[in-house]
Amino acid sequence: MFPDRFNLAHDLLEHNLQAGRGSKVALRWRDEEHTYAGLSTASDRLAHAFTDLGLREEERVLIALSDRPEFSHAWFATLKCGAVFAMVNTLLTEEDYAYYLEYTRARIAVIDERLAPLFARLARSARHLRAVVVADGDTSLEGAGAAPSAADPLNAPVAKHACRRAPRLAQGQAALTELIRHAPDAPVMADTHRHDVAGWLFTSGSTGQPKAAVHFHEDFAFNIEHYAKQVLGIGPADVTAGVPKLFFGYATGTDLMFPFAVGASTARSRRAATPSSRTVSRGSSRRIVPAPTRTAS
């Protein structure tokens, strides 16, 4: 069903540019609207930065990010490098993160600013970790008086970047926005096979520590073709807004992979979504759905 040379990032993101949807809004977050072209450029640049930080094909990138545009940047950059995403909850303990760093042997961790001090401690003993990349700070969590950072030149004026500021970094950490700003502006797409590993989705840990279910590039595309398109009938006019967070595999499907696969849009919030919330009402969402996944066989 899929060609041997197949990269999920191309199937989900770059094909929208080829279809003439580069200027279409793909992701809404607060008052920011991010186009397919903007997300593509940001992930290309971040992929260059990941490579410069030492990331190689098939190595893992640990993503501990709340629902925000940087999740898309990091997720697609990982795939474009031919590396493997491993997404984890942003509300775990230091012991949990230590376990995931050791278990995944992640070379790079991409995290919320709130986790920066914790990961600074973990980095001292994480044997495989080479870099910790930190997303922008959030002035909405700090009350009035905190000045937002300037708009990102990659997306302005479409993305207003309200409530953003430069992250507070521990020694040796890198600011995600600055990596994107200074990286080369050139396309990146690893020549992966459809049976190369794209991502690790973790079990709940009900029988002990969480374990990774390994998924190929083809597995996610199979689910999109047979469930998102044929069962849900998702189309380019839809806007998704799910209650689960993107680090949860179901939500990565329903609110990132599914809409991007058909040129639709998604609306995200770092807070819990409800039918009356601003995130849902602004986007005029047609569906809020869970979805099954297909594991590699």
C-alpha atoms as a PDB file:
ATOM      1  CA  MET A   1       0.000   0.000   0.000  1.00  0.00           C
ATOM      2  CA  PHE A   2       2.931   2.315   0.702  1.00  0.00           C
ATOM      3  CA  PRO A   3       6.203   2.599  -1.239  1.00  0.00           C
ATOM      4  CA  ASP A   4       9.321   1.066   0.251  1.00  0.00           C
ATOM      5  CA  ARG A   5      10.982   4.476   0.611  1.00  0.00           C
ATOM      6  CA  PHE A   6       8.539   6.236   2.875  1.00  0.00           C
ATOM      7  CA  ASN A   7       8.828   8.917   5.559  1.00  0.00           C
ATOM      8  CA  LEU A   8       5.781   9.741   7.658  1.00  0.00           C
ATOM      9  CA  ALA A   9       6.767  13.416   7.873  1.00  0.00           C
ATOM     10  CA  HIS A  10       6.442  13.770   4.112  1.00  0.00           C
ATOM     11  CA  ASP A  11       3.100  11.987   4.097  1.00  0.00           C
ATOM     12  CA  LEU A  12       1.686  14.243   6.820  1.00  0.00           C
ATOM     13  CA  LEU A  13       3.346  17.624   6.341  1.00  0.00           C
ATOM     14  CA  GLU A  14       5.190  18.145   3.063  1.00  0.00           C
ATOM     15  CA  HIS A  15       2.401  16.774   0.889  1.00  0.00           C
ATOM     16  CA  ASN A  16       0.260  19.742   1.967  1.00  0.00           C
ATOM     17  CA  LEU A  17       2.799  22.120   0.467  1.00  0.00           C
ATOM     18  CA  GLN A  18       2.790  20.136  -2.773  1.00  0.00           C
ATOM     19  CA  ALA A  19      -1.016  20.317  -2.796  1.00  0.00           C
ATOM     20  CA  GLY A  20      -0.918  24.120  -2.558  1.00  0.00           C
ATOM     21  CA  ARG A  21      -1.973  24.340   1.101  1.00  0.00           C
ATOM     22  CA  GLY A  22       1.179  26.015   2.386  1.00  0.00           C
ATOM     23  CA  SER A  23      -0.674  29.150   3.476  1.00  0.00           C
ATOM     24  CA  LYS A  24      -3.514  27.257   5.151  1.00  0.00           C
ATOM     25  CA  VAL A  25      -3.697  27.342   8.948  1.00  0.00           C
ATOM     26  CA  ALA A  26      -2.734  23.909  10.229  1.00  0.00           C
ATOM     27  CA  LEU A  27      -2.489  24.539  13.963  1.00  0.00           C
ATOM     28  CA  ARG A  28      -4.150  27.051  16.278  1.00  0.00           C
ATOM     29  CA  TRP A  29      -2.795  27.742  19.750  1.00  0.00           C
ATOM     30  CA  ARG A  30      -4.133  30.651  21.781  1.00  0.00           C
ATOM     31  CA  ASP A  31      -4.105  33.593  19.361  1.00  0.00           C
ATOM     32  CA  GLU A  32      -1.405  32.005  17.191  1.00  0.00           C
ATOM     33  CA  GLU A  33      -2.195  30.494  13.816  1.00  0.00           C
ATOM     34  CA  HIS A  34       0.543  28.362  12.282  1.00  0.00           C
ATOM     35  CA  THR A  35       0.434  27.509   8.584  1.00  0.00           C
ATOM     36  CA  TYR A  36       1.613  24.317   6.949  1.00  0.00           C
ATOM     37  CA  ALA A  37       4.482  26.238   5.349  1.00  0.00           C
ATOM     38  CA  GLY A  38       5.519  27.728   8.689  1.00  0.00           C
ATOM     39  CA  LEU A  39       5.440  24.369  10.446  1.00  0.00           C
ATOM     40  CA  SER A  40       7.420  22.792   7.617  1.00  0.00           C
ATOM     41  CA  THR A  41      10.122  25.455   7.759  1.00  0.00           C
ATOM     42  CA  ALA A  42      10.347  25.329  11.550  1.00  0.00           C
ATOM     43  CA  SER A  43      10.700  21.538  11.572  1.00  0.00           C
ATOM     44  CA  ASP A  44      13.306  21.642   8.776  1.00  0.00           C
ATOM     45  CA  ARG A  45      15.402  24.112  10.712  1.00  0.00           C
ATOM     46  CA  LEU A  46      15.031  22.192  13.951  1.00  0.00           C
ATOM     47  CA  ALA A  47      16.046  19.000  12.138  1.00  0.00           C
ATOM     48  CA  HIS A  48      19.270  20.747  11.071  1.00  0.00           C
ATOM     49  CA  ALA A  49      19.803  21.802  14.685  1.00  0.00           C
ATOM     50  CA  PHE A  50      19.192  18.262  15.952  1.00  0.00           C
ATOM     51  CA  THR A  51      21.790  16.950  13.513  1.00  0.00           C
ATOM     52  CA  ASP A  52      24.266  19.595  14.664  1.00  0.00           C
ATOM     53  CA  LEU A  53      23.611  18.454  18.249  1.00  0.00           C
ATOM     54  CA  GLY A  54      24.709  14.953  17.272  1.00  0.00           C
ATOM     55  CA  LEU A  55      21.423  13.175  16.535  1.00  0.00           C
ATOM     56  CA  ARG A  56      21.753  10.239  14.148  1.00  0.00           C
ATOM     57  CA  GLU A  57      19.204   8.116  12.320  1.00  0.00           C
ATOM     58  CA  GLU A  58      17.295   5.619  14.493  1.00  0.00           C
ATOM     59  CA  GLU A  59      18.287   7.346  17.737  1.00  0.00           C
ATOM     60  CA  ARG A  60      15.517   8.453  20.082  1.00  0.00           C
ATOM     61  CA  VAL A  61      14.313  11.959  20.910  1.00  0.00           C
ATOM     62  CA  LEU A  62      12.441  12.199  24.194  1.00  0.00           C
ATOM     63  CA  ILE A  63       9.592  14.734  23.899  1.00  0.00           C
ATOM     64  CA  ALA A  64       8.106  16.073  27.145  1.00  0.00           C
ATOM     65  CA  LEU A  65       6.111  19.015  25.831  1.00  0.00           C
ATOM     66  CA  SER A  66       2.656  20.355  26.590  1.00  0.00           C
ATOM     67  CA  ASP A  67       0.244  20.988  23.727  1.00  0.00           C
ATOM     68  CA  ARG A  68       1.810  23.869  21.817  1.00  0.00           C
ATOM     69  CA  PRO A  69       3.310  24.475  18.340  1.00  0.00           C
ATOM     70  CA  GLU A  70       6.757  23.324  19.495  1.00  0.00           C
ATOM     71  CA  PHE A  71       5.365  19.819  19.839  1.00  0.00           C
ATOM     72  CA  SER A  72       4.810  19.755  16.079  1.00  0.00           C
ATOM     73  CA  HIS A  73       8.250  21.265  15.441  1.00  0.00           C
ATOM     74  CA  ALA A  74      10.030  18.635  17.527  1.00  0.00           C
ATOM     75  CA  TRP A  75       7.907  15.696  16.363  1.00  0.00           C
ATOM     76  CA  PHE A  76       8.342  16.377  12.660  1.00  0.00           C
ATOM     77  CA  ALA A  77      12.002  17.360  13.033  1.00  0.00           C
ATOM     78  CA  THR A  78      12.674  13.989  14.637  1.00  0.00           C
ATOM     79  CA  LEU A  79      11.051  12.129  11.741  1.00  0.00           C
ATOM     80  CA  LYS A  80      12.812  14.283   9.153  1.00  0.00           C
ATOM     81  CA  CYS A  81      16.138  13.278  10.731  1.00  0.00           C
ATOM     82  CA  GLY A  82      15.201   9.616  10.433  1.00  0.00           C
ATOM     83  CA  ALA A  83      15.228   9.433  14.224  1.00  0.00           C
ATOM     84  CA  VAL A  84      12.547   8.041  16.539  1.00  0.00           C
ATOM     85  CA  PHE A  85      10.153  10.016  18.719  1.00  0.00           C
ATOM     86  CA  ALA A  86       9.384   8.893  22.281  1.00  0.00           C
ATOM     87  CA  MET A  87       6.675  11.030  23.892  1.00  0.00           C
ATOM     88  CA  VAL A  88       6.108  11.192  27.650  1.00  0.00           C
ATOM     89  CA  ASN A  89       3.752  12.898  30.067  1.00  0.00           C
ATOM     90  CA  THR A  90       4.782  16.371  31.215  1.00  0.00           C
ATOM     91  CA  LEU A  91       3.620  15.730  34.815  1.00  0.00           C
ATOM     92  CA  LEU A  92       5.916  12.877  35.797  1.00  0.00           C
ATOM     93  CA  THR A  93       8.373  12.625  38.669  1.00  0.00           C
ATOM     94  CA  GLU A  94      12.120  13.004  38.423  1.00  0.00           C
ATOM     95  CA  GLU A  95      12.447   9.250  38.960  1.00  0.00           C
ATOM     96  CA  ASP A  96      10.087   8.608  36.030  1.00  0.00           C
ATOM     97  CA  TYR A  97      12.058  10.842  33.676  1.00  0.00           C
ATOM     98  CA  ALA A  98      15.306   9.178  34.758  1.00  0.00           C
ATOM     99  CA  TYR A  99      13.750   5.832  33.817  1.00  0.00           C
ATOM    100  CA  TYR A 100      12.651   7.066  30.386  1.00  0.00           C
ATOM    101  CA  LEU A 101      16.040   8.603  29.614  1.00  0.00           C
ATOM    102  CA  GLU A 102      17.789   5.351  30.437  1.00  0.00           C
ATOM    103  CA  TYR A 103      15.188   3.122  28.774  1.00  0.00           C
ATOM    104  CA  THR A 104      15.085   5.065  25.496  1.00  0.00           C
ATOM    105  CA  ARG A 105      18.773   6.024  25.491  1.00  0.00           C
ATOM    106  CA  ALA A 106      17.521   9.333  24.124  1.00  0.00           C
ATOM    107  CA  ARG A 107      20.201  11.560  22.592  1.00  0.00           C
ATOM    108  CA  ILE A 108      18.063  14.687  22.810  1.00  0.00           C
ATOM    109  CA  ALA A 109      15.276  15.687  25.197  1.00  0.00           C
ATOM    110  CA  VAL A 110      12.822  18.429  24.171  1.00  0.00           C
ATOM    111  CA  ILE A 111      10.985  19.774  27.192  1.00  0.00           C
ATOM    112  CA  ASP A 112       8.745  22.440  28.677  1.00  0.00           C
ATOM    113  CA  GLU A 113      10.587  25.197  30.501  1.00  0.00           C
ATOM    114  CA  ARG A 114       9.085  24.074  33.812  1.00  0.00           C
ATOM    115  CA  LEU A 115      11.107  20.856  33.527  1.00  0.00           C
ATOM    116  CA  ALA A 116      14.446  22.563  32.819  1.00  0.00           C
ATOM    117  CA  PRO A 117      15.819  22.448  36.412  1.00  0.00           C
ATOM    118  CA  LEU A 118      14.802  18.801  36.761  1.00  0.00           C
ATOM    119  CA  PHE A 119      16.459  17.789  33.497  1.00  0.00           C
ATOM    120  CA  ALA A 120      19.561  19.752  34.447  1.00  0.00           C
ATOM    121  CA  ARG A 121      19.947  17.405  37.399  1.00  0.00           C
ATOM    122  CA  LEU A 122      19.161  14.309  35.339  1.00  0.00           C
ATOM    123  CA  ALA A 123      21.640  15.276  32.608  1.00  0.00           C
ATOM    124  CA  ARG A 124      24.544  14.793  35.007  1.00  0.00           C
ATOM    125  CA  SER A 125      23.950  11.038  35.136  1.00  0.00           C
ATOM    126  CA  ALA A 126      22.058  10.333  31.873  1.00  0.00           C
ATOM    127  CA  ARG A 127      24.576   8.216  29.985  1.00  0.00           C
ATOM    128  CA  HIS A 128      23.256   8.744  26.473  1.00  0.00           C
ATOM    129  CA  LEU A 129      21.805  12.250  26.597  1.00  0.00           C
ATOM    130  CA  ARG A 130      23.675  14.812  24.496  1.00  0.00           C
ATOM    131  CA  ALA A 131      21.362  17.830  24.572  1.00  0.00           C
ATOM    132  CA  VAL A 132      18.340  19.281  26.360  1.00  0.00           C
ATOM    133  CA  VAL A 133      16.225  21.643  24.249  1.00  0.00           C
ATOM    134  CA  VAL A 134      13.753  23.918  26.058  1.00  0.00           C
ATOM    135  CA  ALA A 135      10.576  25.518  24.692  1.00  0.00           C
ATOM    136  CA  ASP A 136       9.647  29.151  25.314  1.00  0.00           C
ATOM    137  CA  GLY A 137       8.468  30.249  28.720  1.00  0.00           C
ATOM    138  CA  ASP A 138       4.799  31.008  29.285  1.00  0.00           C
ATOM    139  CA  THR A 139       3.941  34.399  30.773  1.00  0.00           C
ATOM    140  CA  SER A 140       0.273  33.409  31.168  1.00  0.00           C
ATOM    141  CA  LEU A 141       1.373  31.210  34.081  1.00  0.00           C
ATOM    142  CA  GLU A 142       3.219  34.070  35.771  1.00  0.00           C
ATOM    143  CA  GLY A 143       0.564  36.783  36.113  1.00  0.00           C
ATOM    144  CA  ALA A 144       0.643  40.320  34.783  1.00  0.00           C
ATOM    145  CA  GLY A 145       3.836  42.200  34.143  1.00  0.00           C
ATOM    146  CA  ALA A 146       5.881  39.616  32.278  1.00  0.00           C
ATOM    147  CA  ALA A 147       6.795  40.901  28.843  1.00  0.00           C
ATOM    148  CA  PRO A 148       6.270  38.552  25.873  1.00  0.00           C
ATOM    149  CA  SER A 149       9.098  37.897  23.464  1.00  0.00           C
ATOM    150  CA  ALA A 150       9.154  39.277  19.943  1.00  0.00           C
ATOM    151  CA  ALA A 151       7.239  37.439  17.242  1.00  0.00           C
ATOM    152  CA  ASP A 152       9.109  34.667  15.496  1.00  0.00           C
ATOM    153  CA  PRO A 153      10.189  35.926  12.036  1.00  0.00           C
ATOM    154  CA  LEU A 154       9.354  32.535  10.535  1.00  0.00           C
ATOM    155  CA  ASN A 155       5.651  32.990  11.188  1.00  0.00           C
ATOM    156  CA  ALA A 156       4.935  36.686  11.850  1.00  0.00           C
ATOM    157  CA  PRO A 157       2.416  38.185  11.430  1.00  0.00           C
ATOM    158  CA  VAL A 158       0.353  34.980  11.273  1.00  0.00           C
ATOM    159  CA  ALA A 159       1.652  33.824  14.659  1.00  0.00           C
ATOM    160  CA  LYS A 160       1.492  36.533  17.322  1.00  0.00           C
ATOM    161  CA  HIS A 161       3.311  34.515  19.985  1.00  0.00           C
ATOM    162  CA  ALA A 162       1.253  35.909  22.840  1.00  0.00           C
ATOM    163  CA  CYS A 163       2.349  34.970  26.359  1.00  0.00           C
ATOM    164  CA  ARG A 164       5.808  33.865  25.189  1.00  0.00           C
ATOM    165  CA  ARG A 165       9.205  34.777  26.555  1.00  0.00           C
ATOM    166  CA  ALA A 166      12.696  33.360  26.224  1.00  0.00           C
ATOM    167  CA  PRO A 167      13.094  30.256  28.406  1.00  0.00           C
ATOM    168  CA  ARG A 168      15.135  30.226  31.573  1.00  0.00           C
ATOM    169  CA  LEU A 169      17.893  27.740  30.807  1.00  0.00           C
ATOM    170  CA  ALA A 170      20.204  25.733  33.002  1.00  0.00           C
ATOM    171  CA  GLN A 171      23.836  25.456  31.987  1.00  0.00           C
ATOM    172  CA  GLY A 172      24.279  23.511  28.761  1.00  0.00           C
ATOM    173  CA  GLN A 173      20.630  23.686  27.700  1.00  0.00           C
ATOM    174  CA  ALA A 174      19.455  25.196  24.402  1.00  0.00           C
ATOM    175  CA  ALA A 175      16.424  27.348  23.589  1.00  0.00           C
ATOM    176  CA  LEU A 176      14.266  25.698  20.940  1.00  0.00           C
ATOM    177  CA  THR A 177      13.224  28.988  19.334  1.00  0.00           C
ATOM    178  CA  GLU A 178      16.831  30.130  19.028  1.00  0.00           C
ATOM    179  CA  LEU A 179      17.864  26.830  17.441  1.00  0.00           C
ATOM    180  CA  ILE A 180      15.149  27.310  14.818  1.00  0.00           C
ATOM    181  CA  ARG A 181      16.017  30.963  14.291  1.00  0.00           C
ATOM    182  CA  HIS A 182      19.705  30.307  13.550  1.00  0.00           C
ATOM    183  CA  ALA A 183      19.545  26.958  11.705  1.00  0.00           C
ATOM    184  CA  PRO A 184      19.884  26.678   7.915  1.00  0.00           C
ATOM    185  CA  ASP A 185      16.763  27.319   5.876  1.00  0.00           C
ATOM    186  CA  ALA A 186      16.881  24.168   3.756  1.00  0.00           C
ATOM    187  CA  PRO A 187      14.579  21.152   3.445  1.00  0.00           C
ATOM    188  CA  VAL A 188      15.402  17.957   5.353  1.00  0.00           C
ATOM    189  CA  MET A 189      13.903  14.519   4.731  1.00  0.00           C
ATOM    190  CA  ALA A 190      15.669  11.303   5.683  1.00  0.00           C
ATOM    191  CA  ASP A 191      15.374   8.516   3.123  1.00  0.00           C
ATOM    192  CA  THR A 192      13.628   6.084   5.447  1.00  0.00           C
ATOM    193  CA  HIS A 193      12.045   2.723   4.649  1.00  0.00           C
ATOM    194  CA  ARG A 194       8.382   2.118   5.449  1.00  0.00           C
ATOM    195  CA  HIS A 195       9.518  -0.506   7.968  1.00  0.00           C
ATOM    196  CA  ASP A 196      11.986   1.781   9.717  1.00  0.00           C
ATOM    197  CA  VAL A 197      10.938   2.676  13.232  1.00  0.00           C
ATOM    198  CA  ALA A 198       9.200   6.059  13.536  1.00  0.00           C
ATOM    199  CA  GLY A 199       8.060   6.133  17.143  1.00  0.00           C
ATOM    200  CA  TRP A 200       7.851   4.430  20.500  1.00  0.00           C
ATOM    201  CA  LEU A 201       4.433   4.569  22.202  1.00  0.00           C
ATOM    202  CA  PHE A 202       4.518   3.610  25.865  1.00  0.00           C
ATOM    203  CA  THR A 203       2.216   1.262  27.736  1.00  0.00           C
ATOM    204  CA  SER A 204       0.578   2.405  30.964  1.00  0.00           C
ATOM    205  CA  GLY A 205       2.951   0.428  33.190  1.00  0.00           C
ATOM    206  CA  SER A 206       0.149  -1.554  34.821  1.00  0.00           C
ATOM    207  CA  THR A 207       2.406  -4.634  34.996  1.00  0.00           C
ATOM    208  CA  GLY A 208       5.521  -2.734  36.085  1.00  0.00           C
ATOM    209  CA  GLN A 209       7.453   0.026  34.365  1.00  0.00           C
ATOM    210  CA  PRO A 210       6.035   1.362  31.068  1.00  0.00           C
ATOM    211  CA  LYS A 211       7.314  -0.444  27.997  1.00  0.00           C
ATOM    212  CA  ALA A 212       7.632   0.814  24.452  1.00  0.00           C
ATOM    213  CA  ALA A 213       5.449  -0.456  21.616  1.00  0.00           C
ATOM    214  CA  VAL A 214       7.551   0.053  18.508  1.00  0.00           C
ATOM    215  CA  HIS A 215       5.802   1.496  15.439  1.00  0.00           C
ATOM    216  CA  PHE A 216       7.035   1.720  11.855  1.00  0.00           C
ATOM    217  CA  HIS A 217       6.427   4.704   9.571  1.00  0.00           C
ATOM    218  CA  GLU A 218       3.945   2.530   7.710  1.00  0.00           C
ATOM    219  CA  ASP A 219       1.944   1.644  10.839  1.00  0.00           C
ATOM    220  CA  PHE A 220       0.771   5.183  11.487  1.00  0.00           C
ATOM    221  CA  ALA A 221      -0.030   5.718   7.801  1.00  0.00           C
ATOM    222  CA  PHE A 222      -2.045   2.482   7.756  1.00  0.00           C
ATOM    223  CA  ASN A 223      -4.167   3.698  10.664  1.00  0.00           C
ATOM    224  CA  ILE A 224      -4.754   7.019   8.927  1.00  0.00           C
ATOM    225  CA  GLU A 225      -5.881   5.398   5.673  1.00  0.00           C
ATOM    226  CA  HIS A 226      -8.156   2.781   7.216  1.00  0.00           C
ATOM    227  CA  TYR A 227      -9.535   4.582  10.261  1.00  0.00           C
ATOM    228  CA  ALA A 228      -9.208   8.354   9.904  1.00  0.00           C
ATOM    229  CA  LYS A 229     -10.202   8.472   6.238  1.00  0.00           C
ATOM    230  CA  GLN A 230     -12.442   5.437   5.791  1.00  0.00           C
ATOM    231  CA  VAL A 231     -14.219   5.304   9.175  1.00  0.00           C
ATOM    232  CA  LEU A 232     -14.201   8.899  10.432  1.00  0.00           C
ATOM    233  CA  GLY A 233     -14.310  10.391   6.970  1.00  0.00           C
ATOM    234  CA  ILE A 234     -12.067  13.253   8.058  1.00  0.00           C
ATOM    235  CA  GLY A 235     -11.579  15.889   5.391  1.00  0.00           C
ATOM    236  CA  PRO A 236      -9.756  19.172   4.736  1.00  0.00           C
ATOM    237  CA  ALA A 237     -12.637  21.307   6.066  1.00  0.00           C
ATOM    238  CA  ASP A 238     -12.468  19.725   9.526  1.00  0.00           C
ATOM    239  CA  VAL A 239     -10.894  21.162  12.665  1.00  0.00           C
ATOM    240  CA  THR A 240      -9.995  18.723  15.446  1.00  0.00           C
ATOM    241  CA  ALA A 241      -9.714  19.517  19.151  1.00  0.00           C
ATOM    242  CA  GLY A 242      -9.175  16.571  21.466  1.00  0.00           C
ATOM    243  CA  VAL A 243      -9.257  16.278  25.236  1.00  0.00           C
ATOM    244  CA  PRO A 244      -6.182  13.983  25.552  1.00  0.00           C
ATOM    245  CA  LYS A 245      -2.793  15.648  25.285  1.00  0.00           C
ATOM    246  CA  LEU A 246      -0.551  15.157  22.260  1.00  0.00           C
ATOM    247  CA  PHE A 247       2.007  13.072  24.154  1.00  0.00           C
ATOM    248  CA  PHE A 248      -0.728  10.427  24.466  1.00  0.00           C
ATOM    249  CA  GLY A 249      -0.644   8.250  21.360  1.00  0.00           C
ATOM    250  CA  TYR A 250      -4.370   8.489  20.628  1.00  0.00           C
ATOM    251  CA  ALA A 251      -4.236  12.273  20.621  1.00  0.00           C
ATOM    252  CA  THR A 252      -1.122  12.307  18.454  1.00  0.00           C
ATOM    253  CA  GLY A 253      -3.287  10.477  15.939  1.00  0.00           C
ATOM    254  CA  THR A 254      -6.569  12.365  16.204  1.00  0.00           C
ATOM    255  CA  ASP A 255      -5.112  15.846  16.618  1.00  0.00           C
ATOM    256  CA  LEU A 256      -1.862  15.818  14.657  1.00  0.00           C
ATOM    257  CA  MET A 257      -1.619  12.932  12.221  1.00  0.00           C
ATOM    258  CA  PHE A 258      -5.264  12.714  11.148  1.00  0.00           C
ATOM    259  CA  PRO A 259      -5.860  16.406  10.349  1.00  0.00           C
ATOM    260  CA  PHE A 260      -2.449  16.898   8.739  1.00  0.00           C
ATOM    261  CA  ALA A 261      -2.932  13.830   6.547  1.00  0.00           C
ATOM    262  CA  VAL A 262      -5.895  15.476   4.783  1.00  0.00           C
ATOM    263  CA  GLY A 263      -4.939  19.144   5.017  1.00  0.00           C
ATOM    264  CA  ALA A 264      -7.325  19.895   7.886  1.00  0.00           C
ATOM    265  CA  SER A 265      -6.564  21.925  11.032  1.00  0.00           C
ATOM    266  CA  THR A 266      -6.172  21.277  14.736  1.00  0.00           C
ATOM    267  CA  ALA A 267      -6.718  23.525  17.753  1.00  0.00           C
ATOM    268  CA  ARG A 268      -4.654  22.859  20.853  1.00  0.00           C
ATOM    269  CA  SER A 269      -4.518  24.133  24.424  1.00  0.00           C
ATOM    270  CA  ARG A 270      -2.172  23.292  27.276  1.00  0.00           C
ATOM    271  CA  ARG A 271      -5.253  23.258  29.550  1.00  0.00           C
ATOM    272  CA  ALA A 272      -7.961  20.601  29.582  1.00  0.00           C
ATOM    273  CA  ALA A 273     -10.401  21.002  26.679  1.00  0.00           C
ATOM    274  CA  THR A 274     -14.176  21.062  27.238  1.00  0.00           C
ATOM    275  CA  PRO A 275     -17.071  21.571  24.789  1.00  0.00           C
ATOM    276  CA  SER A 276     -17.386  25.190  25.961  1.00  0.00           C
ATOM    277  CA  SER A 277     -13.686  26.015  25.986  1.00  0.00           C
ATOM    278  CA  ARG A 278     -12.232  28.752  23.778  1.00  0.00           C
ATOM    279  CA  THR A 279      -9.969  26.314  21.963  1.00  0.00           C
ATOM    280  CA  VAL A 280     -12.926  24.273  20.723  1.00  0.00           C
ATOM    281  CA  SER A 281     -15.333  27.124  20.014  1.00  0.00           C
ATOM    282  CA  ARG A 282     -12.792  29.228  18.093  1.00  0.00           C
ATOM    283  CA  GLY A 283     -11.947  26.369  15.780  1.00  0.00           C
ATOM    284  CA  SER A 284     -15.566  25.302  15.157  1.00  0.00           C
ATOM    285  CA  SER A 285     -14.415  21.745  15.714  1.00  0.00           C
ATOM    286  CA  ARG A 286     -16.479  19.041  14.038  1.00  0.00           C
ATOM    287  CA  ARG A 287     -15.026  16.052  15.865  1.00  0.00           C
ATOM    288  CA  ILE A 288     -13.427  15.213  19.190  1.00  0.00           C
ATOM    289  CA  VAL A 289     -12.567  11.521  18.900  1.00  0.00           C
ATOM    290  CA  PRO A 290     -10.386   8.788  20.345  1.00  0.00           C
ATOM    291  CA  ALA A 291      -8.766   6.369  17.888  1.00  0.00           C
ATOM    292  CA  PRO A 292      -7.172   2.911  17.836  1.00  0.00           C
ATOM    293  CA  THR A 293      -3.577   2.397  16.788  1.00  0.00           C
ATOM    294  CA  ARG A 294      -1.961  -0.368  14.767  1.00  0.00           C
ATOM    295  CA  THR A 295       1.213  -1.881  16.160  1.00  0.00           C
ATOM    296  CA  ALA A 296       4.038  -3.216  14.063  1.00  0.00           C
ATOM    297  CA  SER A 297       3.684  -6.856  13.148  1.00  0.00           C
END
